[in-house]
Amino acid sequence: MSRSNLSPIEQATRDNLQWYFPENDPTFVLAVSGGMDSMSLLHAFKQLDVSAVVCHINYQKRGAASENDARLVYQTATEWEFDCHIERADPIEAEGKNFQQWARDFRYKCFRRLVRKHEADGIAVAHHEDDQVETILQKIFRGAGLASWSAMDIWDGELFRPLLDISRAQIEAYVQQNDIPYRTDESNLETDFARNLLRNEWLDKLGNFFPGWKRNVLRIQQQADNYGQALEWIAAKVTKPEGIDRKAFNALEPGLQKAVLLRLLKKYQPDVSISNESLDRVSELANLQTGKVIELTPDISVLRDREYYVIEGSEKSVFNPKTLKREDFAEGSIAIKKMNLSLTNFEHPDYQNALYLDEEKLTWPITVRRWKQGDAFQPFGMQGHQQVADHLTNRKISAAHKKQALVIESFEETICAIIFPPIKNQMQPGTISEQVKCDPETEKCLKITYRI
């Protein structure tokens, strides 16, 4: 089909495919509800010969109407030569829960399962320009900060939204011109949910009072992006590998401290939810004593570590000991936290970046666990024993990293190694015991590396 014969919807879809997938012909799991938007995208995929597996979710909430939605999607998809999957949800499972959130979790679980099964490149959805506007407004009304006023991306690595620059009016025209079948979900006409309230009672009327208001809202995305880039630049200036530079951070204005810390918290835990009251505790950092912490959420704290502030998981977070047998390594290496353990031939050791324990000197099974007060071992190169706590202090391991340090314990409860993050000018991820060191007779070893 020549470019001149393409409708705006088909042209936008083709352009976005060529821009985001220039080197291959991608395959998608295409989410189709049966409504006007998703049926339009399904038709555009047919016209452009895009490879896709259609998925429809039947929530079984509207009786015969739900069944008719599923029937329309299945019949149309198969007629247009798409493989189609109908997934049925049990609404009883949503009782006592936020239904919209439960439904979203359910459908994306189904979509992702199909992506894995069909080795698809992503999930295609029919979000359009009006959805974009609603998303930004909801974030503003819910009190999100400017950095969060960003909108949806056309391609975010999982979701492909080729119609984001297409208006609802253009979709309606496309449906009429091509006689595309669709069904209207009556629940979308109700005002039980926030998005429906915006869509059905507010947005259509705003154009009468503020012409061009949608364009103005969409510009907010660029302003949010600019603000986010500025915060990212400042955050990079006040952070170092050891943590947040205390002197540089304290020099920031109080409001900027909150914004920068929130930015760093989002990088540490992207889905973190933190209250304004918790962010107000940033003012306490300047007087925080070394080794003390401020808990911002049940899962995240900020620790004062000499000249740095360190964001860390709360002490409430539990690491369960892992017991490993020789045969557990039969299928390859084993990852625990940021460690990678493997049984391998002792050849060409890289002592700068890894630890090596003689396999025959270990008493199996071994256990990986958090260190505790009273633990002691014989460090490599020493004749006597040393407390693990003292060894970590002597190695200048920060207070934050001390808490995260792990030990490897053999079956007879002898500590064979301490594992901790590599520090400046010292790349080994820990210290092994003298008792398990490799020598010229060593054939196989337990190799330990650490992912920074």
Protein backbone atom coordinates (compact mmCIF):
# COMPACT_ATOMS: atom_id res chain seq x y z
CA MET A 1 0.00 0.00 0.00
CA SER A 2 1.51 3.36 -1.02
CA ARG A 3 1.96 6.08 1.58
CA SER A 4 -0.51 8.35 -0.23
CA ASN A 5 -3.27 5.77 0.21
CA LEU A 6 -2.81 5.45 3.95
CA SER A 7 -5.26 6.95 6.41
CA PRO A 8 -3.79 9.06 9.28
CA ILE A 9 -4.15 6.05 11.61
CA GLU A 10 -2.40 3.66 9.23
CA GLN A 11 0.30 6.20 8.46
CA ALA A 12 0.97 6.85 12.15
CA THR A 13 1.16 3.11 12.80
CA ARG A 14 3.56 2.53 9.91
CA ASP A 15 5.74 5.52 10.82
CA ASN A 16 6.05 4.39 14.43
CA LEU A 17 6.85 0.84 13.38
CA GLN A 18 9.61 2.06 11.10
CA TRP A 19 10.99 4.44 13.75
CA TYR A 20 11.02 2.05 16.72
CA PHE A 21 11.58 -1.23 14.87
CA PRO A 22 13.73 -0.26 11.89
CA GLU A 23 15.65 -3.50 11.54
CA ASN A 24 12.98 -6.17 11.86
CA ASP A 25 9.33 -7.03 11.26
CA PRO A 26 8.07 -7.19 14.85
CA THR A 27 5.35 -9.43 16.25
CA PHE A 28 2.99 -8.13 18.91
CA VAL A 29 0.39 -9.33 21.34
CA LEU A 30 -2.44 -6.98 20.34
CA ALA A 31 -4.88 -6.10 23.14
CA VAL A 32 -8.42 -5.85 21.69
CA SER A 33 -11.40 -5.08 23.91
CA GLY A 34 -13.92 -4.85 21.08
CA GLY A 35 -14.31 -1.10 21.46
CA MET A 36 -13.80 1.48 18.73
CA ASP A 37 -10.14 2.24 19.56
CA SER A 38 -8.75 -1.28 19.66
CA MET A 39 -10.82 -2.47 16.69
CA SER A 40 -9.38 0.43 14.69
CA LEU A 41 -5.85 -0.61 15.57
CA LEU A 42 -6.68 -4.22 14.68
CA HIS A 43 -7.91 -3.02 11.27
CA ALA A 44 -4.75 -0.92 10.77
CA PHE A 45 -2.58 -3.95 11.59
CA LYS A 46 -4.53 -5.94 8.98
CA GLN A 47 -4.09 -3.25 6.34
CA LEU A 48 -0.35 -2.97 7.04
CA ASP A 49 0.15 -6.74 7.37
CA VAL A 50 1.64 -6.42 10.88
CA SER A 51 2.25 -9.73 12.63
CA ALA A 52 0.16 -10.00 15.79
CA VAL A 53 -1.56 -12.37 18.18
CA VAL A 54 -4.88 -10.93 19.37
CA CYS A 55 -5.83 -11.17 23.04
CA HIS A 56 -9.26 -10.28 24.45
CA ILE A 57 -10.06 -10.30 28.17
CA ASN A 58 -13.61 -11.30 29.13
CA TYR A 59 -14.16 -10.06 32.68
CA GLN A 60 -17.64 -11.68 32.74
CA LYS A 61 -19.06 -8.62 34.51
CA ARG A 62 -21.82 -7.74 32.04
CA GLY A 63 -23.43 -11.07 31.25
CA ALA A 64 -24.46 -11.44 27.61
CA ALA A 65 -22.79 -8.12 26.71
CA SER A 66 -19.41 -9.49 27.77
CA GLU A 67 -19.95 -12.64 25.73
CA ASN A 68 -20.92 -10.58 22.69
CA ASP A 69 -17.74 -8.49 23.02
CA ALA A 70 -15.64 -11.65 23.06
CA ARG A 71 -17.56 -13.12 20.11
CA LEU A 72 -17.07 -9.99 17.99
CA VAL A 73 -13.32 -9.88 18.68
CA TYR A 74 -12.84 -13.58 17.97
CA GLN A 75 -14.89 -13.61 14.78
CA THR A 76 -13.30 -10.43 13.40
CA ALA A 77 -9.75 -11.42 14.33
CA THR A 78 -10.03 -14.87 12.77
CA GLU A 79 -11.75 -13.46 9.66
CA TRP A 80 -8.80 -11.07 9.29
CA GLU A 81 -6.43 -14.04 9.77
CA PHE A 82 -5.11 -13.26 13.23
CA ASP A 83 -4.57 -15.90 15.89
CA CYS A 84 -6.95 -14.95 18.73
CA HIS A 85 -6.93 -15.82 22.44
CA ILE A 86 -9.94 -15.20 24.68
CA GLU A 87 -8.98 -15.04 28.36
CA ARG A 88 -11.71 -15.33 30.98
CA ALA A 89 -11.37 -13.60 34.33
CA ASP A 90 -13.32 -14.60 37.42
CA PRO A 91 -14.79 -11.39 38.93
CA ILE A 92 -15.23 -13.17 42.27
CA GLU A 93 -11.45 -12.90 42.71
CA ALA A 94 -11.79 -9.10 42.67
CA GLU A 95 -14.25 -8.93 45.57
CA GLY A 96 -13.01 -6.54 48.24
CA LYS A 97 -10.36 -5.14 45.89
CA ASN A 98 -10.05 -2.15 43.59
CA PHE A 99 -11.62 -3.72 40.50
CA GLN A 100 -9.85 -1.53 37.94
CA GLN A 101 -6.44 -2.27 39.45
CA TRP A 102 -7.24 -5.98 39.73
CA ALA A 103 -8.44 -6.07 36.12
CA ARG A 104 -5.33 -4.27 34.90
CA ASP A 105 -3.06 -6.70 36.75
CA PHE A 106 -4.99 -9.66 35.33
CA ARG A 107 -4.88 -8.54 31.70
CA TYR A 108 -1.21 -7.63 31.71
CA LYS A 109 -0.39 -10.97 33.29
CA CYS A 110 -2.21 -12.59 30.35
CA PHE A 111 -0.52 -10.33 27.80
CA ARG A 112 2.95 -11.04 29.17
CA ARG A 113 2.34 -14.78 29.21
CA LEU A 114 1.43 -14.64 25.52
CA VAL A 115 4.49 -12.49 24.76
CA ARG A 116 6.69 -15.23 26.24
CA LYS A 117 4.77 -18.03 24.52
CA HIS A 118 4.90 -16.47 21.05
CA GLU A 119 8.28 -14.75 21.55
CA ALA A 120 6.63 -11.45 20.64
CA ASP A 121 8.44 -8.12 20.63
CA GLY A 122 5.90 -6.35 22.81
CA ILE A 123 2.26 -5.58 23.64
CA ALA A 124 0.35 -3.30 21.25
CA VAL A 125 -2.44 -1.18 22.77
CA ALA A 126 -4.75 1.45 21.25
CA HIS A 127 -4.08 4.35 23.62
CA HIS A 128 -4.62 7.61 21.73
CA GLU A 129 -4.21 11.35 22.21
CA ASP A 130 -7.30 11.77 24.40
CA ASP A 131 -6.05 8.98 26.68
CA GLN A 132 -2.76 10.87 26.90
CA VAL A 133 -4.56 14.03 28.04
CA GLU A 134 -6.59 12.10 30.63
CA THR A 135 -3.43 10.45 32.00
CA ILE A 136 -1.71 13.80 32.57
CA LEU A 137 -4.80 15.36 34.17
CA GLN A 138 -5.25 12.42 36.54
CA LYS A 139 -1.66 12.79 37.74
CA ILE A 140 -2.18 16.51 38.35
CA PHE A 141 -5.48 16.03 40.20
CA ARG A 142 -3.96 13.30 42.39
CA GLY A 143 -1.29 15.70 43.60
CA ALA A 144 1.71 14.19 41.82
CA GLY A 145 4.73 16.47 41.54
CA LEU A 146 5.80 18.12 38.30
CA ALA A 147 8.41 15.42 37.64
CA SER A 148 5.56 12.89 37.50
CA TRP A 149 3.46 14.83 35.00
CA SER A 150 5.03 12.94 32.13
CA ALA A 151 2.79 11.15 29.68
CA MET A 152 2.83 7.73 28.06
CA ASP A 153 5.54 6.78 25.55
CA ILE A 154 4.85 5.38 22.10
CA TRP A 155 7.32 2.57 22.87
CA ASP A 156 8.58 1.97 26.41
CA GLY A 157 10.27 -1.36 25.83
CA GLU A 158 7.12 -3.36 26.53
CA LEU A 159 4.07 -1.41 25.36
CA PHE A 160 3.70 -0.15 21.78
CA ARG A 161 1.19 2.71 21.44
CA PRO A 162 1.23 3.75 17.77
CA LEU A 163 -1.92 5.92 18.05
CA LEU A 164 -0.76 8.31 20.78
CA ASP A 165 -0.77 11.25 18.39
CA ILE A 166 -4.17 10.30 16.94
CA SER A 167 -7.31 12.00 18.26
CA ARG A 168 -10.56 10.33 19.19
CA ALA A 169 -12.24 12.20 16.32
CA GLN A 170 -9.78 10.71 13.82
CA ILE A 171 -10.53 7.22 15.14
CA GLU A 172 -14.28 7.79 14.81
CA ALA A 173 -13.80 8.93 11.20
CA TYR A 174 -11.62 5.89 10.44
CA VAL A 175 -14.27 3.53 11.81
CA GLN A 176 -17.00 5.12 9.69
CA GLN A 177 -14.92 5.21 6.50
CA ASN A 178 -13.93 1.55 6.77
CA ASP A 179 -17.13 0.19 8.29
CA ILE A 180 -15.17 -1.35 11.17
CA PRO A 181 -17.36 -3.34 13.60
CA TYR A 182 -17.10 -2.44 17.28
CA ARG A 183 -19.07 -2.57 20.50
CA THR A 184 -19.64 0.08 23.16
CA ASP A 185 -18.95 -0.92 26.75
CA GLU A 186 -21.89 0.56 28.65
CA SER A 187 -19.84 0.76 31.83
CA ASN A 188 -17.67 3.40 30.15
CA LEU A 189 -20.73 5.68 30.13
CA GLU A 190 -20.99 5.52 33.91
CA THR A 191 -19.14 7.84 36.29
CA ASP A 192 -18.08 5.24 38.84
CA PHE A 193 -14.41 5.61 37.98
CA ALA A 194 -12.17 8.67 37.81
CA ARG A 195 -11.25 8.36 34.13
CA ASN A 196 -14.89 7.94 33.11
CA LEU A 197 -15.86 11.01 35.14
CA LEU A 198 -13.25 13.07 33.28
CA ARG A 199 -14.20 11.64 29.92
CA ASN A 200 -17.98 11.83 30.17
CA GLU A 201 -18.65 14.99 32.19
CA TRP A 202 -15.63 17.30 31.92
CA LEU A 203 -13.49 16.98 28.86
CA ASP A 204 -16.15 17.39 26.17
CA LYS A 205 -17.37 20.61 27.79
CA LEU A 206 -13.97 22.25 28.34
CA GLY A 207 -13.54 22.93 24.63
CA ASN A 208 -16.46 25.38 24.78
CA PHE A 209 -14.68 27.50 27.37
CA PHE A 210 -10.98 26.95 26.60
CA PRO A 211 -10.37 26.33 22.89
CA GLY A 212 -7.15 24.40 22.33
CA TRP A 213 -6.92 23.28 25.94
CA LYS A 214 -5.88 19.73 24.99
CA ARG A 215 -2.81 21.06 23.16
CA ASN A 216 -1.90 23.07 26.26
CA VAL A 217 -2.19 20.00 28.49
CA LEU A 218 0.00 17.96 26.15
CA ARG A 219 2.69 20.67 26.37
CA ILE A 220 2.91 19.91 30.09
CA GLN A 221 4.67 16.67 29.17
CA GLN A 222 7.58 18.59 27.68
CA GLN A 223 7.76 20.86 30.72
CA ALA A 224 7.81 17.79 32.97
CA ASP A 225 10.57 16.24 30.87
CA ASN A 226 12.65 19.43 31.12
CA TYR A 227 12.15 19.54 34.88
CA GLY A 228 13.11 15.87 35.17
CA GLN A 229 16.29 16.42 33.16
CA ALA A 230 17.26 19.32 35.42
CA LEU A 231 16.68 17.20 38.54
CA GLU A 232 18.71 14.35 37.03
CA TRP A 233 21.61 16.74 36.37
CA ILE A 234 21.54 18.06 39.95
CA ALA A 235 21.22 14.55 41.38
CA ALA A 236 24.27 13.43 39.40
CA LYS A 237 26.25 16.37 40.82
CA VAL A 238 25.54 15.46 44.45
CA THR A 239 25.96 11.69 44.22
CA LYS A 240 29.08 9.54 44.17
CA PRO A 241 29.59 5.75 44.21
CA GLU A 242 29.64 5.87 48.03
CA GLY A 243 26.28 7.63 48.25
CA ILE A 244 24.86 11.19 48.37
CA ASP A 245 27.61 13.70 49.08
CA ARG A 246 26.51 15.19 52.40
CA LYS A 247 28.13 18.60 51.99
CA ALA A 248 26.81 19.12 48.45
CA PHE A 249 23.30 17.93 49.36
CA ASN A 250 23.07 20.10 52.47
CA ALA A 251 23.99 23.14 50.35
CA LEU A 252 20.80 22.75 48.27
CA GLU A 253 17.66 24.73 49.07
CA PRO A 254 15.15 22.72 51.19
CA GLY A 255 12.62 22.36 48.39
CA LEU A 256 15.31 21.20 45.99
CA GLN A 257 16.57 18.69 48.57
CA LYS A 258 13.13 17.08 48.65
CA ALA A 259 12.87 16.96 44.87
CA VAL A 260 16.37 15.50 44.42
CA LEU A 261 15.91 12.92 47.17
CA LEU A 262 12.56 11.84 45.68
CA ARG A 263 14.26 11.48 42.29
CA LEU A 264 16.95 9.27 43.82
CA LEU A 265 14.38 7.23 45.74
CA LYS A 266 12.51 6.58 42.46
CA LYS A 267 15.74 5.31 40.92
CA TYR A 268 16.34 3.09 43.95
CA GLN A 269 12.79 1.72 43.93
CA PRO A 270 10.75 2.87 40.88
CA ASP A 271 7.32 2.10 42.36
CA VAL A 272 8.03 3.74 45.74
CA SER A 273 5.14 5.68 47.27
CA ILE A 274 6.22 8.29 49.77
CA SER A 275 4.08 10.85 51.61
CA ASN A 276 4.78 14.57 51.85
CA GLU A 277 5.13 14.13 55.60
CA SER A 278 7.94 11.61 55.07
CA LEU A 279 9.69 13.88 52.57
CA ASP A 280 9.54 16.69 55.12
CA ARG A 281 11.94 14.62 57.24
CA VAL A 282 14.69 15.60 54.80
CA SER A 283 15.26 18.61 57.09
CA GLU A 284 16.44 16.16 59.81
CA LEU A 285 19.34 14.87 57.70
CA ALA A 286 21.66 17.80 58.44
CA ASN A 287 21.72 16.89 62.15
CA LEU A 288 21.78 13.12 61.71
CA GLN A 289 24.67 11.40 63.50
CA THR A 290 26.95 8.92 61.72
CA GLY A 291 25.44 5.43 61.70
CA LYS A 292 21.90 6.70 62.39
CA VAL A 293 19.00 6.37 59.95
CA ILE A 294 15.77 8.12 59.05
CA GLU A 295 13.00 5.79 57.92
CA LEU A 296 11.03 7.28 55.03
CA THR A 297 8.84 4.26 54.25
CA PRO A 298 8.53 0.80 55.83
CA ASP A 299 11.00 -0.42 53.19
CA ILE A 300 13.41 2.49 52.63
CA SER A 301 15.68 4.44 54.97
CA VAL A 302 18.43 7.05 54.59
CA LEU A 303 21.58 6.31 56.60
CA ARG A 304 24.28 8.83 57.58
CA ASP A 305 27.61 7.22 56.72
CA ARG A 306 30.37 9.68 57.59
CA GLU A 307 30.37 12.18 54.71
CA TYR A 308 27.55 10.53 52.77
CA TYR A 309 23.85 9.76 52.96
CA VAL A 310 23.06 6.24 51.78
CA ILE A 311 19.63 5.08 50.61
CA GLU A 312 19.08 1.54 51.76
CA GLY A 313 16.42 -1.07 52.33
CA SER A 314 14.92 -1.05 55.79
CA GLU A 315 16.39 -3.37 58.40
CA LYS A 316 12.97 -5.00 58.36
CA SER A 317 13.88 -6.55 55.00
CA VAL A 318 14.80 -10.18 55.53
CA PHE A 319 17.41 -12.25 53.75
CA ASN A 320 16.67 -15.93 54.13
CA PRO A 321 19.76 -18.17 54.29
CA LYS A 322 20.40 -20.20 51.12
CA THR A 323 21.79 -23.73 51.40
CA LEU A 324 23.61 -25.00 48.30
CA LYS A 325 24.73 -28.52 47.39
CA ARG A 326 27.29 -29.48 44.77
CA GLU A 327 24.58 -30.80 42.48
CA ASP A 328 22.78 -27.43 42.55
CA PHE A 329 25.50 -26.13 40.23
CA ALA A 330 24.94 -28.83 37.61
CA GLU A 331 22.93 -26.48 35.38
CA GLY A 332 25.27 -23.51 35.69
CA SER A 333 25.91 -20.55 37.97
CA ILE A 334 23.66 -19.42 40.84
CA ALA A 335 22.75 -15.79 41.52
CA ILE A 336 22.11 -14.64 45.09
CA LYS A 337 21.47 -10.95 45.64
CA LYS A 338 24.25 -9.34 43.58
CA MET A 339 26.54 -12.36 43.87
CA ASN A 340 27.17 -14.90 41.17
CA LEU A 341 28.51 -18.31 42.26
CA SER A 342 29.77 -21.03 39.95
CA LEU A 343 31.74 -24.27 40.15
CA THR A 344 34.45 -24.14 37.52
CA ASN A 345 37.93 -25.34 36.63
CA PHE A 346 40.66 -23.40 38.42
CA GLU A 347 42.31 -21.84 35.40
CA HIS A 348 43.57 -18.30 34.71
CA PRO A 349 42.16 -16.82 37.94
CA ASP A 350 41.30 -13.12 37.92
CA TYR A 351 42.07 -12.32 41.56
CA GLN A 352 41.36 -8.64 40.97
CA ASN A 353 37.65 -9.17 40.32
CA ALA A 354 36.68 -12.54 41.81
CA LEU A 355 37.13 -14.84 44.79
CA TYR A 356 38.18 -18.49 44.42
CA LEU A 357 37.55 -21.21 47.01
CA ASP A 358 38.99 -24.70 46.59
CA GLU A 359 36.00 -26.98 46.04
CA GLU A 360 37.65 -29.95 47.78
CA LYS A 361 38.39 -27.90 50.91
CA LEU A 362 34.74 -26.96 51.34
CA THR A 363 32.50 -29.16 53.45
CA TRP A 364 29.25 -29.42 51.52
CA PRO A 365 26.50 -28.28 51.63
CA ILE A 366 27.41 -24.63 52.12
CA THR A 367 25.12 -21.88 53.41
CA VAL A 368 24.96 -18.23 52.37
CA ARG A 369 23.61 -16.02 55.15
CA ARG A 370 23.84 -12.58 56.74
CA TRP A 371 26.76 -12.21 59.16
CA LYS A 372 25.95 -11.72 62.83
CA GLN A 373 27.77 -10.44 65.88
CA GLY A 374 30.20 -13.04 67.20
CA ASP A 375 31.02 -14.50 63.77
CA ALA A 376 34.76 -15.08 63.31
CA PHE A 377 37.00 -16.59 60.64
CA GLN A 378 40.65 -16.90 59.61
CA PRO A 379 41.24 -14.32 56.85
CA PHE A 380 43.46 -15.27 53.92
CA GLY A 381 47.12 -14.68 54.77
CA MET A 382 46.56 -14.53 58.57
CA GLN A 383 47.46 -17.12 61.18
CA GLY A 384 44.86 -16.24 63.78
CA HIS A 385 41.11 -15.65 63.71
CA GLN A 386 39.33 -12.30 63.47
CA GLN A 387 35.82 -11.11 64.21
CA VAL A 388 33.83 -10.49 61.03
CA ALA A 389 32.72 -7.10 62.41
CA ASP A 390 36.35 -6.06 62.98
CA HIS A 391 37.41 -7.32 59.56
CA LEU A 392 34.73 -5.24 57.83
CA THR A 393 35.83 -2.17 59.79
CA ASN A 394 39.49 -2.77 58.92
CA ARG A 395 38.58 -3.09 55.25
CA LYS A 396 36.84 0.29 55.51
CA ILE A 397 33.46 -1.11 54.49
CA SER A 398 30.78 1.56 54.91
CA ALA A 399 28.12 1.24 57.60
CA ALA A 400 25.45 0.70 54.93
CA HIS A 401 27.40 -2.05 53.18
CA LYS A 402 28.29 -3.72 56.48
CA LYS A 403 24.62 -4.49 57.03
CA GLN A 404 24.40 -6.09 53.59
CA ALA A 405 27.53 -8.24 53.92
CA LEU A 406 27.06 -12.01 53.60
CA VAL A 407 29.11 -14.96 54.76
CA ILE A 408 29.56 -18.40 53.23
CA GLU A 409 29.48 -21.08 55.88
CA SER A 410 30.45 -24.71 55.33
CA PHE A 411 28.51 -27.68 56.69
CA GLU A 412 30.52 -27.80 59.92
CA GLU A 413 29.69 -24.09 60.48
CA THR A 414 33.11 -22.72 59.52
CA ILE A 415 33.01 -19.38 57.75
CA CYS A 416 34.79 -19.74 54.43
CA ALA A 417 34.33 -16.24 53.02
CA ILE A 418 32.81 -12.81 53.61
CA ILE A 419 31.13 -11.15 50.62
CA PHE A 420 30.68 -7.38 50.38
CA PRO A 421 30.47 -4.81 47.55
CA PRO A 422 33.82 -3.95 45.94
CA ILE A 423 35.21 -0.63 47.16
CA LYS A 424 37.41 2.02 45.58
CA ASN A 425 40.85 0.77 44.44
CA GLN A 426 39.98 -2.70 45.63
CA MET A 427 37.90 -4.78 43.27
CA GLN A 428 37.70 -8.11 45.08
CA PRO A 429 34.12 -8.70 46.31
CA GLY A 430 35.17 -9.90 49.76
CA THR A 431 37.69 -11.99 51.66
CA ILE A 432 38.15 -15.77 51.72
CA SER A 433 39.35 -17.89 54.61
CA GLU A 434 42.92 -19.18 54.69
CA GLN A 435 41.47 -22.67 55.11
CA VAL A 436 39.85 -22.78 51.63
CA LYS A 437 42.47 -20.99 49.52
CA CYS A 438 43.39 -22.46 46.17
CA ASP A 439 46.89 -23.84 45.60
CA PRO A 440 48.82 -25.50 42.72
CA GLU A 441 46.96 -28.76 43.42
CA THR A 442 43.51 -27.18 43.06
CA GLU A 443 41.50 -28.50 40.10
CA LYS A 444 37.99 -27.13 40.67
CA CYS A 445 36.91 -24.08 42.58
CA LEU A 446 33.89 -22.13 43.74
CA LYS A 447 34.18 -18.80 41.89
CA ILE A 448 32.40 -15.74 43.29
CA THR A 449 31.84 -12.48 41.44
CA TYR A 450 29.79 -9.42 42.38
CA ARG A 451 27.55 -7.37 40.08
CA ILE A 452 28.04 -3.67 40.76
